[in-house]
All heavy atoms as atom14 arrays in JSON, in Angstrom:
{
  "sequence": "LVVDAHNVGLNLVPEALDERARLVMGSPRPLAMMEGVDRAVDA",
  "atom14_mask": [
    [1, 1, 1, 1, 1, 1, 1, 1, 0, 0, 0, 0, 0, 0],
    [1, 1, 1, 1, 1, 1, 1, 0, 0, 0, 0, 0, 0, 0],
    [1, 1, 1, 1, 1, 1, 1, 0, 0, 0, 0, 0, 0, 0],
    [1, 1, 1, 1, 1, 1, 1, 1, 0, 0, 0, 0, 0, 0],
    [1, 1, 1, 1, 1, 0, 0, 0, 0, 0, 0, 0, 0, 0],
    [1, 1, 1, 1, 1, 1, 1, 1, 1, 1, 0, 0, 0, 0],
    [1, 1, 1, 1, 1, 1, 1, 1, 0, 0, 0, 0, 0, 0],
    [1, 1, 1, 1, 1, 1, 1, 0, 0, 0, 0, 0, 0, 0],
    [1, 1, 1, 1, 0, 0, 0, 0, 0, 0, 0, 0, 0, 0],
    [1, 1, 1, 1, 1, 1, 1, 1, 0, 0, 0, 0, 0, 0],
    [1, 1, 1, 1, 1, 1, 1, 1, 0, 0, 0, 0, 0, 0],
    [1, 1, 1, 1, 1, 1, 1, 1, 0, 0, 0, 0, 0, 0],
    [1, 1, 1, 1, 1, 1, 1, 0, 0, 0, 0, 0, 0, 0],
    [1, 1, 1, 1, 1, 1, 1, 0, 0, 0, 0, 0, 0, 0],
    [1, 1, 1, 1, 1, 1, 1, 1, 1, 0, 0, 0, 0, 0],
    [1, 1, 1, 1, 1, 0, 0, 0, 0, 0, 0, 0, 0, 0],
    [1, 1, 1, 1, 1, 1, 1, 1, 0, 0, 0, 0, 0, 0],
    [1, 1, 1, 1, 1, 1, 1, 1, 0, 0, 0, 0, 0, 0],
    [1, 1, 1, 1, 1, 1, 1, 1, 1, 0, 0, 0, 0, 0],
    [1, 1, 1, 1, 1, 1, 1, 1, 1, 1, 1, 0, 0, 0],
    [1, 1, 1, 1, 1, 0, 0, 0, 0, 0, 0, 0, 0, 0],
    [1, 1, 1, 1, 1, 1, 1, 1, 1, 1, 1, 0, 0, 0],
    [1, 1, 1, 1, 1, 1, 1, 1, 0, 0, 0, 0, 0, 0],
    [1, 1, 1, 1, 1, 1, 1, 0, 0, 0, 0, 0, 0, 0],
    [1, 1, 1, 1, 1, 1, 1, 1, 0, 0, 0, 0, 0, 0],
    [1, 1, 1, 1, 0, 0, 0, 0, 0, 0, 0, 0, 0, 0],
    [1, 1, 1, 1, 1, 1, 0, 0, 0, 0, 0, 0, 0, 0],
    [1, 1, 1, 1, 1, 1, 1, 0, 0, 0, 0, 0, 0, 0],
    [1, 1, 1, 1, 1, 1, 1, 1, 1, 1, 1, 0, 0, 0],
    [1, 1, 1, 1, 1, 1, 1, 0, 0, 0, 0, 0, 0, 0],
    [1, 1, 1, 1, 1, 1, 1, 1, 0, 0, 0, 0, 0, 0],
    [1, 1, 1, 1, 1, 0, 0, 0, 0, 0, 0, 0, 0, 0],
    [1, 1, 1, 1, 1, 1, 1, 1, 0, 0, 0, 0, 0, 0],
    [1, 1, 1, 1, 1, 1, 1, 1, 0, 0, 0, 0, 0, 0],
    [1, 1, 1, 1, 1, 1, 1, 1, 1, 0, 0, 0, 0, 0],
    [1, 1, 1, 1, 0, 0, 0, 0, 0, 0, 0, 0, 0, 0],
    [1, 1, 1, 1, 1, 1, 1, 0, 0, 0, 0, 0, 0, 0],
    [1, 1, 1, 1, 1, 1, 1, 1, 0, 0, 0, 0, 0, 0],
    [1, 1, 1, 1, 1, 1, 1, 1, 1, 1, 1, 0, 0, 0],
    [1, 1, 1, 1, 1, 0, 0, 0, 0, 0, 0, 0, 0, 0],
    [1, 1, 1, 1, 1, 1, 1, 0, 0, 0, 0, 0, 0, 0],
    [1, 1, 1, 1, 1, 1, 1, 1, 0, 0, 0, 0, 0, 0],
    [1, 1, 1, 1, 1, 0, 0, 0, 0, 0, 0, 0, 0, 0]
  ],
  "atom14_positions": [
    [[43.51, 43.9, 144.07], [43.81, 44.09, 145.48], [42.7, 43.47, 146.29], [41.52, 43.79, 146.11], [43.93, 45.58, 145.8], [44.28, 45.94, 147.24], [45.68, 45.42, 147.6], [44.19, 47.44, 147.46], [0.0, 0.0, 0.0], [0.0, 0.0, 0.0], [0.0, 0.0, 0.0], [0.0, 0.0, 0.0], [0.0, 0.0, 0.0], [0.0, 0.0, 0.0]],
    [[43.05, 42.55, 147.19], [42.08, 41.86, 148.04], [42.23, 42.39, 149.46], [43.34, 42.43, 150.0], [42.31, 40.34, 148.02], [41.44, 39.65, 149.07], [42.02, 39.78, 146.63], [0.0, 0.0, 0.0], [0.0, 0.0, 0.0], [0.0, 0.0, 0.0], [0.0, 0.0, 0.0], [0.0, 0.0, 0.0], [0.0, 0.0, 0.0], [0.0, 0.0, 0.0]],
    [[41.11, 42.78, 150.06], [41.09, 43.25, 151.44], [40.42, 42.21, 152.31], [39.26, 41.85, 152.09], [40.33, 44.59, 151.57], [40.33, 45.07, 153.02], [40.92, 45.64, 150.66], [0.0, 0.0, 0.0], [0.0, 0.0, 0.0], [0.0, 0.0, 0.0], [0.0, 0.0, 0.0], [0.0, 0.0, 0.0], [0.0, 0.0, 0.0], [0.0, 0.0, 0.0]],
    [[41.14, 41.69, 153.3], [40.58, 40.78, 154.29], [39.85, 41.68, 155.3], [40.46, 42.3, 156.15], [41.69, 39.98, 154.97], [41.17, 38.92, 155.91], [40.04, 39.06, 156.43], [41.89, 37.94, 156.14], [0.0, 0.0, 0.0], [0.0, 0.0, 0.0], [0.0, 0.0, 0.0], [0.0, 0.0, 0.0], [0.0, 0.0, 0.0], [0.0, 0.0, 0.0]],
    [[38.54, 41.77, 155.16], [37.77, 42.78, 155.89], [37.05, 42.26, 157.13], [36.37, 43.02, 157.8], [36.76, 43.42, 154.94], [0.0, 0.0, 0.0], [0.0, 0.0, 0.0], [0.0, 0.0, 0.0], [0.0, 0.0, 0.0], [0.0, 0.0, 0.0], [0.0, 0.0, 0.0], [0.0, 0.0, 0.0], [0.0, 0.0, 0.0], [0.0, 0.0, 0.0]],
    [[37.14, 40.99, 157.44], [36.47, 40.47, 158.63], [37.31, 40.71, 159.87], [38.52, 40.42, 159.89], [36.2, 38.96, 158.48], [35.55, 38.35, 159.67], [34.27, 38.66, 160.05], [36.01, 37.45, 160.58], [33.97, 37.97, 161.15], [35.0, 37.23, 161.49], [0.0, 0.0, 0.0], [0.0, 0.0, 0.0], [0.0, 0.0, 0.0], [0.0, 0.0, 0.0]],
    [[36.68, 41.26, 160.89], [37.31, 41.47, 162.19], [38.63, 42.24, 162.01], [38.62, 43.33, 161.46], [37.49, 40.13, 162.91], [37.7, 40.26, 164.4], [37.96, 41.34, 164.91], [37.59, 39.16, 165.1], [0.0, 0.0, 0.0], [0.0, 0.0, 0.0], [0.0, 0.0, 0.0], [0.0, 0.0, 0.0], [0.0, 0.0, 0.0], [0.0, 0.0, 0.0]],
    [[39.75, 41.7, 162.45], [41.03, 42.41, 162.35], [41.8, 42.07, 161.08], [42.95, 42.44, 160.93], [41.93, 42.19, 163.6], [41.26, 42.73, 164.85], [42.28, 40.73, 163.75], [0.0, 0.0, 0.0], [0.0, 0.0, 0.0], [0.0, 0.0, 0.0], [0.0, 0.0, 0.0], [0.0, 0.0, 0.0], [0.0, 0.0, 0.0], [0.0, 0.0, 0.0]],
    [[41.17, 41.35, 160.16], [41.79, 41.1, 158.86], [42.81, 39.99, 158.83], [43.78, 40.06, 158.09], [0.0, 0.0, 0.0], [0.0, 0.0, 0.0], [0.0, 0.0, 0.0], [0.0, 0.0, 0.0], [0.0, 0.0, 0.0], [0.0, 0.0, 0.0], [0.0, 0.0, 0.0], [0.0, 0.0, 0.0], [0.0, 0.0, 0.0], [0.0, 0.0, 0.0]],
    [[42.59, 38.94, 159.61], [43.51, 37.8, 159.64], [42.75, 36.5, 159.37], [42.88, 35.52, 160.1], [44.23, 37.72, 161.0], [45.08, 38.93, 161.36], [45.61, 38.81, 162.78], [46.21, 39.11, 160.37], [0.0, 0.0, 0.0], [0.0, 0.0, 0.0], [0.0, 0.0, 0.0], [0.0, 0.0, 0.0], [0.0, 0.0, 0.0], [0.0, 0.0, 0.0]],
    [[41.97, 36.48, 158.32], [41.08, 35.36, 158.05], [41.4, 34.6, 156.78], [41.34, 33.37, 156.78], [39.63, 35.87, 157.98], [39.3, 36.71, 159.19], [39.01, 36.19, 160.24], [39.39, 38.02, 159.05], [0.0, 0.0, 0.0], [0.0, 0.0, 0.0], [0.0, 0.0, 0.0], [0.0, 0.0, 0.0], [0.0, 0.0, 0.0], [0.0, 0.0, 0.0]],
    [[41.71, 35.3, 155.7], [42.07, 34.62, 154.46], [43.35, 33.82, 154.68], [44.18, 34.19, 155.5], [42.27, 35.63, 153.34], [40.99, 36.32, 152.86], [41.31, 37.51, 151.97], [40.09, 35.33, 152.14], [0.0, 0.0, 0.0], [0.0, 0.0, 0.0], [0.0, 0.0, 0.0], [0.0, 0.0, 0.0], [0.0, 0.0, 0.0], [0.0, 0.0, 0.0]],
    [[43.49, 32.75, 153.94], [44.69, 31.92, 154.03], [45.66, 32.45, 152.97], [45.49, 32.16, 151.78], [44.35, 30.43, 153.8], [45.6, 29.58, 153.93], [43.26, 29.97, 154.76], [0.0, 0.0, 0.0], [0.0, 0.0, 0.0], [0.0, 0.0, 0.0], [0.0, 0.0, 0.0], [0.0, 0.0, 0.0], [0.0, 0.0, 0.0], [0.0, 0.0, 0.0]],
    [[46.66, 33.24, 153.37], [47.52, 33.92, 152.38], [48.19, 32.98, 151.39], [48.23, 33.28, 150.2], [48.56, 34.64, 153.24], [47.94, 34.77, 154.58], [47.03, 33.59, 154.73], [0.0, 0.0, 0.0], [0.0, 0.0, 0.0], [0.0, 0.0, 0.0], [0.0, 0.0, 0.0], [0.0, 0.0, 0.0], [0.0, 0.0, 0.0], [0.0, 0.0, 0.0]],
    [[48.67, 31.85, 151.85], [49.38, 30.94, 150.95], [48.45, 30.24, 149.96], [48.91, 29.66, 148.98], [50.21, 29.91, 151.73], [49.4, 29.0, 152.61], [49.15, 29.55, 154.02], [49.34, 30.74, 154.26], [48.73, 28.74, 154.87], [0.0, 0.0, 0.0], [0.0, 0.0, 0.0], [0.0, 0.0, 0.0], [0.0, 0.0, 0.0], [0.0, 0.0, 0.0]],
    [[47.14, 30.32, 150.2], [46.17, 29.71, 149.29], [45.51, 30.75, 148.37], [44.73, 30.39, 147.51], [45.1, 28.96, 150.09], [0.0, 0.0, 0.0], [0.0, 0.0, 0.0], [0.0, 0.0, 0.0], [0.0, 0.0, 0.0], [0.0, 0.0, 0.0], [0.0, 0.0, 0.0], [0.0, 0.0, 0.0], [0.0, 0.0, 0.0], [0.0, 0.0, 0.0]],
    [[45.86, 32.02, 148.56], [45.27, 33.07, 147.74], [45.88, 33.05, 146.34], [47.08, 32.83, 146.18], [45.53, 34.43, 148.39], [44.82, 35.63, 147.76], [43.31, 35.51, 147.92], [45.31, 36.92, 148.38], [0.0, 0.0, 0.0], [0.0, 0.0, 0.0], [0.0, 0.0, 0.0], [0.0, 0.0, 0.0], [0.0, 0.0, 0.0], [0.0, 0.0, 0.0]],
    [[45.04, 33.26, 145.35], [45.5, 33.33, 143.95], [46.7, 34.28, 143.87], [46.63, 35.41, 144.34], [44.34, 33.83, 143.08], [44.62, 33.75, 141.59], [45.65, 34.3, 141.15], [43.79, 33.16, 140.88], [0.0, 0.0, 0.0], [0.0, 0.0, 0.0], [0.0, 0.0, 0.0], [0.0, 0.0, 0.0], [0.0, 0.0, 0.0], [0.0, 0.0, 0.0]],
    [[47.76, 33.83, 143.26], [49.02, 34.59, 143.23], [48.93, 35.87, 142.42], [49.8, 36.73, 142.52], [50.16, 33.72, 142.7], [49.97, 33.26, 141.29], [51.04, 32.28, 140.84], [51.68, 31.63, 141.68], [51.23, 32.17, 139.62], [0.0, 0.0, 0.0], [0.0, 0.0, 0.0], [0.0, 0.0, 0.0], [0.0, 0.0, 0.0], [0.0, 0.0, 0.0]],
    [[47.87, 36.05, 141.66], [47.7, 37.29, 140.89], [47.18, 38.43, 141.74], [47.17, 39.58, 141.3], [46.76, 37.05, 139.71], [47.33, 36.06, 138.69], [46.32, 35.69, 137.64], [45.27, 34.86, 138.24], [44.27, 34.31, 137.55], [44.18, 34.53, 136.25], [43.37, 33.56, 138.15], [0.0, 0.0, 0.0], [0.0, 0.0, 0.0], [0.0, 0.0, 0.0]],
    [[46.76, 38.13, 142.96], [46.19, 39.16, 143.83], [47.21, 39.64, 144.85], [48.08, 38.9, 145.28], [44.97, 38.59, 144.56], [0.0, 0.0, 0.0], [0.0, 0.0, 0.0], [0.0, 0.0, 0.0], [0.0, 0.0, 0.0], [0.0, 0.0, 0.0], [0.0, 0.0, 0.0], [0.0, 0.0, 0.0], [0.0, 0.0, 0.0], [0.0, 0.0, 0.0]],
    [[47.07, 40.9, 145.23], [47.81, 41.46, 146.36], [46.85, 41.49, 147.54], [45.66, 41.71, 147.37], [48.29, 42.88, 146.05], [49.29, 42.91, 144.91], [49.77, 44.34, 144.6], [48.67, 45.18, 144.14], [48.31, 46.34, 144.69], [48.96, 46.82, 145.75], [47.31, 47.04, 144.2], [0.0, 0.0, 0.0], [0.0, 0.0, 0.0], [0.0, 0.0, 0.0]],
    [[47.35, 41.25, 148.75], [46.49, 41.11, 149.92], [46.75, 42.2, 150.95], [47.9, 42.45, 151.32], [46.73, 39.73, 150.57], [45.98, 39.42, 151.86], [44.47, 39.47, 151.66], [46.42, 38.04, 152.38], [0.0, 0.0, 0.0], [0.0, 0.0, 0.0], [0.0, 0.0, 0.0], [0.0, 0.0, 0.0], [0.0, 0.0, 0.0], [0.0, 0.0, 0.0]],
    [[45.67, 42.83, 151.4], [45.7, 43.75, 152.54], [45.11, 42.98, 153.7], [43.96, 42.53, 153.65], [44.86, 45.02, 152.28], [44.81, 45.88, 153.54], [45.43, 45.8, 151.11], [0.0, 0.0, 0.0], [0.0, 0.0, 0.0], [0.0, 0.0, 0.0], [0.0, 0.0, 0.0], [0.0, 0.0, 0.0], [0.0, 0.0, 0.0], [0.0, 0.0, 0.0]],
    [[45.91, 42.78, 154.74], [45.42, 42.04, 155.9], [45.91, 42.73, 157.17], [46.78, 43.59, 157.13], [45.88, 40.59, 155.87], [47.38, 40.39, 155.85], [47.9, 38.67, 155.61], [47.15, 37.84, 156.98], [0.0, 0.0, 0.0], [0.0, 0.0, 0.0], [0.0, 0.0, 0.0], [0.0, 0.0, 0.0], [0.0, 0.0, 0.0], [0.0, 0.0, 0.0]],
    [[45.35, 42.33, 158.3], [45.74, 42.91, 159.58], [45.07, 44.25, 159.82], [44.2, 44.68, 159.09], [0.0, 0.0, 0.0], [0.0, 0.0, 0.0], [0.0, 0.0, 0.0], [0.0, 0.0, 0.0], [0.0, 0.0, 0.0], [0.0, 0.0, 0.0], [0.0, 0.0, 0.0], [0.0, 0.0, 0.0], [0.0, 0.0, 0.0], [0.0, 0.0, 0.0]],
    [[45.48, 44.88, 160.89], [44.93, 46.17, 161.25], [46.0, 46.95, 162.01], [46.99, 46.36, 162.45], [43.66, 46.0, 162.1], [43.96, 45.32, 163.28], [0.0, 0.0, 0.0], [0.0, 0.0, 0.0], [0.0, 0.0, 0.0], [0.0, 0.0, 0.0], [0.0, 0.0, 0.0], [0.0, 0.0, 0.0], [0.0, 0.0, 0.0], [0.0, 0.0, 0.0]],
    [[45.87, 48.24, 162.12], [44.7, 49.03, 161.73], [44.65, 49.26, 160.23], [45.67, 49.2, 159.54], [44.91, 50.36, 162.45], [46.39, 50.49, 162.57], [46.92, 49.07, 162.74], [0.0, 0.0, 0.0], [0.0, 0.0, 0.0], [0.0, 0.0, 0.0], [0.0, 0.0, 0.0], [0.0, 0.0, 0.0], [0.0, 0.0, 0.0], [0.0, 0.0, 0.0]],
    [[43.44, 49.49, 159.77], [43.2, 49.83, 158.37], [42.4, 51.13, 158.38], [41.22, 51.13, 158.73], [42.39, 48.73, 157.67], [43.13, 47.41, 157.56], [42.2, 46.34, 157.01], [40.98, 46.27, 157.8], [40.49, 45.16, 158.33], [41.07, 44.03, 158.12], [39.38, 45.18, 159.04], [0.0, 0.0, 0.0], [0.0, 0.0, 0.0], [0.0, 0.0, 0.0]],
    [[43.02, 52.24, 158.04], [42.32, 53.53, 158.13], [40.98, 53.56, 157.4], [40.04, 54.21, 157.86], [43.31, 54.52, 157.51], [44.65, 53.89, 157.75], [44.41, 52.4, 157.63], [0.0, 0.0, 0.0], [0.0, 0.0, 0.0], [0.0, 0.0, 0.0], [0.0, 0.0, 0.0], [0.0, 0.0, 0.0], [0.0, 0.0, 0.0], [0.0, 0.0, 0.0]],
    [[40.85, 52.85, 156.29], [39.58, 52.83, 155.56], [38.79, 51.55, 155.86], [37.86, 51.21, 155.11], [39.83, 52.98, 154.06], [40.44, 54.31, 153.64], [40.73, 54.34, 152.14], [39.54, 55.48, 154.04], [0.0, 0.0, 0.0], [0.0, 0.0, 0.0], [0.0, 0.0, 0.0], [0.0, 0.0, 0.0], [0.0, 0.0, 0.0], [0.0, 0.0, 0.0]],
    [[39.19, 50.85, 156.91], [38.48, 49.66, 157.38], [38.26, 48.65, 156.25], [39.22, 48.2, 155.64], [37.17, 50.04, 158.06], [0.0, 0.0, 0.0], [0.0, 0.0, 0.0], [0.0, 0.0, 0.0], [0.0, 0.0, 0.0], [0.0, 0.0, 0.0], [0.0, 0.0, 0.0], [0.0, 0.0, 0.0], [0.0, 0.0, 0.0], [0.0, 0.0, 0.0]],
    [[37.01, 48.32, 155.97], [36.68, 47.28, 155.0], [36.98, 47.7, 153.56], [36.98, 46.86, 152.66], [35.21, 46.9, 155.15], [34.91, 46.33, 156.54], [33.17, 46.08, 156.82], [33.1, 44.3, 156.57], [0.0, 0.0, 0.0], [0.0, 0.0, 0.0], [0.0, 0.0, 0.0], [0.0, 0.0, 0.0], [0.0, 0.0, 0.0], [0.0, 0.0, 0.0]],
    [[37.25, 48.96, 153.34], [37.53, 49.48, 152.0], [38.97, 49.96, 151.86], [39.29, 50.74, 150.96], [36.56, 50.61, 151.65], [35.12, 50.16, 151.5], [34.9, 48.95, 150.17], [35.25, 49.94, 148.73], [0.0, 0.0, 0.0], [0.0, 0.0, 0.0], [0.0, 0.0, 0.0], [0.0, 0.0, 0.0], [0.0, 0.0, 0.0], [0.0, 0.0, 0.0]],
    [[39.85, 49.48, 152.71], [41.26, 49.87, 152.64], [41.8, 49.62, 151.24], [41.6, 48.55, 150.67], [42.09, 49.1, 153.67], [43.52, 49.54, 153.74], [43.7, 50.97, 154.19], [42.9, 51.45, 155.03], [44.62, 51.62, 153.7], [0.0, 0.0, 0.0], [0.0, 0.0, 0.0], [0.0, 0.0, 0.0], [0.0, 0.0, 0.0], [0.0, 0.0, 0.0]],
    [[42.44, 50.63, 150.68], [43.01, 50.5, 149.34], [42.18, 51.13, 148.25], [42.65, 51.29, 147.13], [0.0, 0.0, 0.0], [0.0, 0.0, 0.0], [0.0, 0.0, 0.0], [0.0, 0.0, 0.0], [0.0, 0.0, 0.0], [0.0, 0.0, 0.0], [0.0, 0.0, 0.0], [0.0, 0.0, 0.0], [0.0, 0.0, 0.0], [0.0, 0.0, 0.0]],
    [[40.94, 51.51, 148.56], [40.11, 52.14, 147.54], [40.63, 53.56, 147.29], [41.04, 54.25, 148.21], [38.62, 52.15, 147.93], [38.32, 53.12, 149.06], [37.75, 52.44, 146.71], [0.0, 0.0, 0.0], [0.0, 0.0, 0.0], [0.0, 0.0, 0.0], [0.0, 0.0, 0.0], [0.0, 0.0, 0.0], [0.0, 0.0, 0.0], [0.0, 0.0, 0.0]],
    [[40.68, 53.91, 146.03], [41.04, 55.27, 145.65], [40.5, 55.5, 144.24], [39.82, 54.64, 143.67], [42.55, 55.51, 145.74], [43.37, 54.59, 144.86], [42.86, 54.08, 143.83], [44.54, 54.37, 145.18], [0.0, 0.0, 0.0], [0.0, 0.0, 0.0], [0.0, 0.0, 0.0], [0.0, 0.0, 0.0], [0.0, 0.0, 0.0], [0.0, 0.0, 0.0]],
    [[40.81, 56.65, 143.67], [40.27, 57.0, 142.35], [40.8, 56.1, 141.23], [40.24, 56.06, 140.14], [40.55, 58.46, 142.04], [39.78, 59.39, 142.94], [40.03, 60.85, 142.55], [39.39, 61.75, 143.47], [38.17, 62.22, 143.32], [37.44, 61.85, 142.3], [37.66, 63.06, 144.22], [0.0, 0.0, 0.0], [0.0, 0.0, 0.0], [0.0, 0.0, 0.0]],
    [[41.88, 55.38, 141.49], [42.45, 54.5, 140.46], [41.71, 53.17, 140.35], [41.94, 52.41, 139.42], [43.93, 54.25, 140.74], [0.0, 0.0, 0.0], [0.0, 0.0, 0.0], [0.0, 0.0, 0.0], [0.0, 0.0, 0.0], [0.0, 0.0, 0.0], [0.0, 0.0, 0.0], [0.0, 0.0, 0.0], [0.0, 0.0, 0.0], [0.0, 0.0, 0.0]],
    [[40.84, 52.86, 141.31], [40.08, 51.61, 141.28], [38.97, 51.72, 140.24], [38.16, 52.65, 140.28], [39.5, 51.29, 142.68], [38.52, 50.13, 142.61], [40.62, 50.99, 143.65], [0.0, 0.0, 0.0], [0.0, 0.0, 0.0], [0.0, 0.0, 0.0], [0.0, 0.0, 0.0], [0.0, 0.0, 0.0], [0.0, 0.0, 0.0], [0.0, 0.0, 0.0]],
    [[38.96, 50.78, 139.32], [37.95, 50.78, 138.26], [36.69, 50.01, 138.65], [35.61, 50.28, 138.11], [38.54, 50.15, 136.99], [39.71, 50.96, 136.45], [39.5, 52.13, 136.09], [40.84, 50.43, 136.41], [0.0, 0.0, 0.0], [0.0, 0.0, 0.0], [0.0, 0.0, 0.0], [0.0, 0.0, 0.0], [0.0, 0.0, 0.0], [0.0, 0.0, 0.0]],
    [[36.84, 49.03, 139.52], [35.7, 48.23, 139.93], [35.94, 47.7, 141.33], [37.08, 47.45, 141.73], [35.5, 47.07, 138.97], [0.0, 0.0, 0.0], [0.0, 0.0, 0.0], [0.0, 0.0, 0.0], [0.0, 0.0, 0.0], [0.0, 0.0, 0.0], [0.0, 0.0, 0.0], [0.0, 0.0, 0.0], [0.0, 0.0, 0.0], [0.0, 0.0, 0.0]]
  ]
}
């Protein structure tokens, strides 16, 4: 899971992102720069 964490999260080029990744972009993001983190994250 990739989080676009700069400013409002519209910086990464989605069509150029490695297709194996899922992208969190835009806002609001309740956990801000760590949106998507939970106990299931291993690293």
